[in-house]
Amino acid sequence: MKTPPESFLLFKEELVKAQLEKERLQRHYEQQLAEVNQELSRLKEQIQSQQDMMRTTLEYASNLEIRLTEVKEEVAQATSANRKTIY
């Protein structure tokens, strides 16, 4: 049996090295992608929490505004009722 030429053996060795490097790069890429996805999930969660806080704050402010209007009306009614009883 004839041995393969040296250039073929070198090519085969380089091919194996290239495949190993490709696999290493693939694992590195997948790891980086997983980290980016994890960070993205964390940021989405933070944004959702901030939106919830803003919604709650706006509801609170709206309720305070309604209550303030009601109190102003009560004060106005009480004042007009007092004026009527004085005269």
N, C-alpha and C. Protein backbone atom coordinates (compact mmCIF):
# COMPACT_ATOMS: atom_id res chain seq x y z
N MET A 1 0.85 -1.17 0.00
CA MET A 1 0.00 0.00 0.00
C MET A 1 0.90 1.24 0.00
N LYS A 2 0.55 2.15 -0.81
CA LYS A 2 1.33 3.35 -0.99
C LYS A 2 0.93 4.39 0.06
N THR A 3 1.89 5.08 0.65
CA THR A 3 1.58 6.13 1.63
C THR A 3 1.14 7.40 0.89
N PRO A 4 0.19 8.14 1.50
CA PRO A 4 -0.27 9.36 0.84
C PRO A 4 0.87 10.39 0.79
N PRO A 5 0.82 11.27 -0.16
CA PRO A 5 1.87 12.29 -0.24
C PRO A 5 1.86 13.20 1.00
N GLU A 6 3.00 13.77 1.27
CA GLU A 6 3.15 14.61 2.46
C GLU A 6 2.22 15.83 2.42
N SER A 7 2.01 16.39 1.25
CA SER A 7 1.14 17.55 1.13
C SER A 7 -0.29 17.19 1.53
N PHE A 8 -0.72 15.96 1.19
CA PHE A 8 -2.06 15.52 1.57
C PHE A 8 -2.16 15.41 3.09
N LEU A 9 -1.13 14.86 3.73
CA LEU A 9 -1.13 14.73 5.19
C LEU A 9 -1.15 16.11 5.85
N LEU A 10 -0.38 17.06 5.31
CA LEU A 10 -0.37 18.41 5.85
C LEU A 10 -1.75 19.07 5.69
N PHE A 11 -2.34 18.87 4.50
CA PHE A 11 -3.67 19.42 4.26
C PHE A 11 -4.69 18.84 5.22
N LYS A 12 -4.60 17.53 5.42
CA LYS A 12 -5.54 16.86 6.33
C LYS A 12 -5.37 17.39 7.76
N GLU A 13 -4.14 17.61 8.18
CA GLU A 13 -3.86 18.15 9.51
C GLU A 13 -4.41 19.58 9.63
N GLU A 14 -4.20 20.39 8.62
CA GLU A 14 -4.72 21.75 8.62
C GLU A 14 -6.25 21.76 8.64
N LEU A 15 -6.85 20.82 7.92
CA LEU A 15 -8.30 20.71 7.90
C LEU A 15 -8.84 20.39 9.29
N VAL A 16 -8.20 19.48 9.99
CA VAL A 16 -8.61 19.13 11.35
C VAL A 16 -8.47 20.35 12.26
N LYS A 17 -7.35 21.08 12.13
CA LYS A 17 -7.15 22.29 12.94
C LYS A 17 -8.24 23.31 12.65
N ALA A 18 -8.56 23.48 11.38
CA ALA A 18 -9.58 24.45 11.00
C ALA A 18 -10.95 24.04 11.56
N GLN A 19 -11.27 22.77 11.54
CA GLN A 19 -12.54 22.31 12.09
C GLN A 19 -12.60 22.52 13.60
N LEU A 20 -11.48 22.26 14.29
CA LEU A 20 -11.44 22.50 15.73
C LEU A 20 -11.60 23.99 16.05
N GLU A 21 -10.94 24.83 15.25
CA GLU A 21 -11.07 26.28 15.45
C GLU A 21 -12.50 26.73 15.18
N LYS A 22 -13.12 26.17 14.17
CA LYS A 22 -14.51 26.51 13.85
C LYS A 22 -15.42 26.14 15.02
N GLU A 23 -15.23 24.97 15.59
CA GLU A 23 -16.04 24.54 16.73
C GLU A 23 -15.81 25.45 17.94
N ARG A 24 -14.55 25.84 18.17
CA ARG A 24 -14.23 26.73 19.29
C ARG A 24 -14.93 28.08 19.09
N LEU A 25 -14.85 28.61 17.89
CA LEU A 25 -15.49 29.89 17.60
C LEU A 25 -17.01 29.79 17.73
N GLN A 26 -17.56 28.67 17.31
CA GLN A 26 -19.01 28.46 17.41
C GLN A 26 -19.44 28.47 18.88
N ARG A 27 -18.68 27.76 19.73
CA ARG A 27 -19.00 27.75 21.17
C ARG A 27 -18.87 29.15 21.77
N HIS A 28 -17.84 29.87 21.37
CA HIS A 28 -17.64 31.23 21.87
C HIS A 28 -18.80 32.13 21.44
N TYR A 29 -19.20 32.02 20.19
CA TYR A 29 -20.32 32.82 19.68
C TYR A 29 -21.60 32.49 20.44
N GLU A 30 -21.87 31.21 20.65
CA GLU A 30 -23.08 30.80 21.37
C GLU A 30 -23.06 31.31 22.81
N GLN A 31 -21.89 31.30 23.43
CA GLN A 31 -21.77 31.81 24.80
C GLN A 31 -22.05 33.31 24.83
N GLN A 32 -21.47 34.04 23.88
CA GLN A 32 -21.71 35.49 23.83
C GLN A 32 -23.19 35.78 23.55
N LEU A 33 -23.79 35.02 22.66
CA LEU A 33 -25.20 35.21 22.34
C LEU A 33 -26.07 34.95 23.57
N ALA A 34 -25.74 33.93 24.33
CA ALA A 34 -26.50 33.63 25.55
C ALA A 34 -26.37 34.78 26.55
N GLU A 35 -25.16 35.36 26.67
CA GLU A 35 -24.96 36.48 27.59
C GLU A 35 -25.76 37.69 27.15
N VAL A 36 -25.77 37.96 25.85
CA VAL A 36 -26.53 39.11 25.32
C VAL A 36 -28.02 38.89 25.56
N ASN A 37 -28.50 37.68 25.33
CA ASN A 37 -29.92 37.39 25.55
C ASN A 37 -30.29 37.54 27.02
N GLN A 38 -29.40 37.12 27.90
CA GLN A 38 -29.64 37.26 29.33
C GLN A 38 -29.70 38.75 29.72
N GLU A 39 -28.78 39.54 29.19
CA GLU A 39 -28.79 40.98 29.47
C GLU A 39 -30.05 41.62 28.91
N LEU A 40 -30.46 41.21 27.73
CA LEU A 40 -31.68 41.74 27.11
C LEU A 40 -32.90 41.42 27.97
N SER A 41 -32.96 40.22 28.49
CA SER A 41 -34.08 39.84 29.37
C SER A 41 -34.10 40.70 30.63
N ARG A 42 -32.91 40.94 31.18
CA ARG A 42 -32.81 41.76 32.39
C ARG A 42 -33.27 43.18 32.10
N LEU A 43 -32.86 43.72 30.96
CA LEU A 43 -33.26 45.08 30.60
C LEU A 43 -34.77 45.17 30.34
N LYS A 44 -35.33 44.15 29.71
CA LYS A 44 -36.78 44.13 29.48
C LYS A 44 -37.52 44.13 30.81
N GLU A 45 -37.01 43.37 31.76
CA GLU A 45 -37.64 43.30 33.08
C GLU A 45 -37.57 44.66 33.77
N GLN A 46 -36.43 45.33 33.66
CA GLN A 46 -36.29 46.66 34.26
C GLN A 46 -37.26 47.65 33.61
N ILE A 47 -37.35 47.61 32.30
CA ILE A 47 -38.26 48.51 31.59
C ILE A 47 -39.70 48.26 32.02
N GLN A 48 -40.07 47.00 32.14
CA GLN A 48 -41.43 46.66 32.57
C GLN A 48 -41.71 47.19 33.97
N SER A 49 -40.72 47.06 34.86
CA SER A 49 -40.89 47.57 36.23
C SER A 49 -41.04 49.08 36.23
N GLN A 50 -40.25 49.76 35.41
CA GLN A 50 -40.35 51.22 35.34
C GLN A 50 -41.69 51.64 34.76
N GLN A 51 -42.17 50.92 33.76
CA GLN A 51 -43.48 51.24 33.20
C GLN A 51 -44.58 51.04 34.23
N ASP A 52 -44.47 49.98 35.01
CA ASP A 52 -45.46 49.74 36.08
C ASP A 52 -45.43 50.86 37.10
N MET A 53 -44.23 51.31 37.47
CA MET A 53 -44.12 52.41 38.44
C MET A 53 -44.71 53.69 37.86
N MET A 54 -44.47 53.96 36.60
CA MET A 54 -45.02 55.17 35.97
C MET A 54 -46.54 55.09 35.91
N ARG A 55 -47.07 53.92 35.58
CA ARG A 55 -48.52 53.74 35.51
C ARG A 55 -49.13 53.98 36.89
N THR A 56 -48.53 53.41 37.91
CA THR A 56 -49.02 53.58 39.28
C THR A 56 -48.96 55.05 39.69
N THR A 57 -47.88 55.72 39.35
CA THR A 57 -47.72 57.13 39.69
C THR A 57 -48.78 57.98 39.00
N LEU A 58 -49.03 57.71 37.73
CA LEU A 58 -50.05 58.47 36.99
C LEU A 58 -51.45 58.22 37.56
N GLU A 59 -51.73 56.99 37.91
CA GLU A 59 -53.03 56.69 38.52
C GLU A 59 -53.18 57.42 39.85
N TYR A 60 -52.12 57.43 40.64
CA TYR A 60 -52.14 58.11 41.93
C TYR A 60 -52.37 59.61 41.73
N ALA A 61 -51.63 60.20 40.78
CA ALA A 61 -51.78 61.64 40.51
C ALA A 61 -53.19 61.95 40.02
N SER A 62 -53.72 61.10 39.18
CA SER A 62 -55.08 61.30 38.68
C SER A 62 -56.10 61.23 39.81
N ASN A 63 -55.93 60.26 40.68
CA ASN A 63 -56.83 60.13 41.84
C ASN A 63 -56.72 61.35 42.77
N LEU A 64 -55.49 61.84 42.95
CA LEU A 64 -55.31 63.04 43.78
C LEU A 64 -55.99 64.24 43.15
N GLU A 65 -55.90 64.36 41.84
CA GLU A 65 -56.54 65.47 41.15
C GLU A 65 -58.06 65.41 41.31
N ILE A 66 -58.61 64.21 41.17
CA ILE A 66 -60.06 64.04 41.35
C ILE A 66 -60.45 64.40 42.79
N ARG A 67 -59.68 63.91 43.73
CA ARG A 67 -59.98 64.18 45.14
C ARG A 67 -59.87 65.66 45.46
N LEU A 68 -58.86 66.33 44.87
CA LEU A 68 -58.69 67.76 45.09
C LEU A 68 -59.90 68.53 44.55
N THR A 69 -60.37 68.15 43.39
CA THR A 69 -61.56 68.79 42.81
C THR A 69 -62.76 68.59 43.73
N GLU A 70 -62.92 67.38 44.26
CA GLU A 70 -64.03 67.11 45.17
C GLU A 70 -63.94 67.96 46.44
N VAL A 71 -62.73 68.08 46.97
CA VAL A 71 -62.54 68.88 48.19
C VAL A 71 -62.84 70.35 47.91
N LYS A 72 -62.39 70.85 46.76
CA LYS A 72 -62.68 72.24 46.40
C LYS A 72 -64.19 72.47 46.32
N GLU A 73 -64.90 71.52 45.72
CA GLU A 73 -66.36 71.64 45.62
C GLU A 73 -67.00 71.61 47.00
N GLU A 74 -66.52 70.74 47.88
CA GLU A 74 -67.06 70.68 49.24
C GLU A 74 -66.82 71.99 49.98
N VAL A 75 -65.62 72.54 49.80
CA VAL A 75 -65.30 73.81 50.47
C VAL A 75 -66.19 74.91 49.92
N ALA A 76 -66.36 74.94 48.60
CA ALA A 76 -67.21 75.96 47.98
C ALA A 76 -68.65 75.83 48.48
N GLN A 77 -69.15 74.62 48.59
CA GLN A 77 -70.52 74.41 49.08
C GLN A 77 -70.64 74.81 50.54
N ALA A 78 -69.63 74.46 51.33
CA ALA A 78 -69.67 74.81 52.75
C ALA A 78 -69.59 76.32 52.92
N THR A 79 -68.79 76.97 52.11
CA THR A 79 -68.66 78.43 52.19
C THR A 79 -69.97 79.10 51.79
N SER A 80 -70.58 78.63 50.71
CA SER A 80 -71.85 79.24 50.28
C SER A 80 -72.95 78.94 51.30
N ALA A 81 -72.93 77.79 51.92
CA ALA A 81 -73.93 77.46 52.94
C ALA A 81 -73.75 78.36 54.16
N ASN A 82 -72.52 78.65 54.54
CA ASN A 82 -72.25 79.54 55.67
C ASN A 82 -72.69 80.96 55.36
N ARG A 83 -72.50 81.41 54.13
CA ARG A 83 -72.91 82.76 53.76
C ARG A 83 -74.42 82.90 53.84
N LYS A 84 -75.11 81.86 53.42
CA LYS A 84 -76.58 81.91 53.44
C LYS A 84 -77.11 82.00 54.88
N THR A 85 -76.47 81.31 55.79
CA THR A 85 -76.96 81.29 57.18
C THR A 85 -76.61 82.58 57.90
N ILE A 86 -75.57 83.24 57.50
CA ILE A 86 -75.14 84.48 58.17
C ILE A 86 -76.09 85.60 57.80
N TYR A 87 -76.51 85.72 56.60
CA TYR A 87 -77.38 86.82 56.14
C TYR A 87 -78.77 86.46 56.34
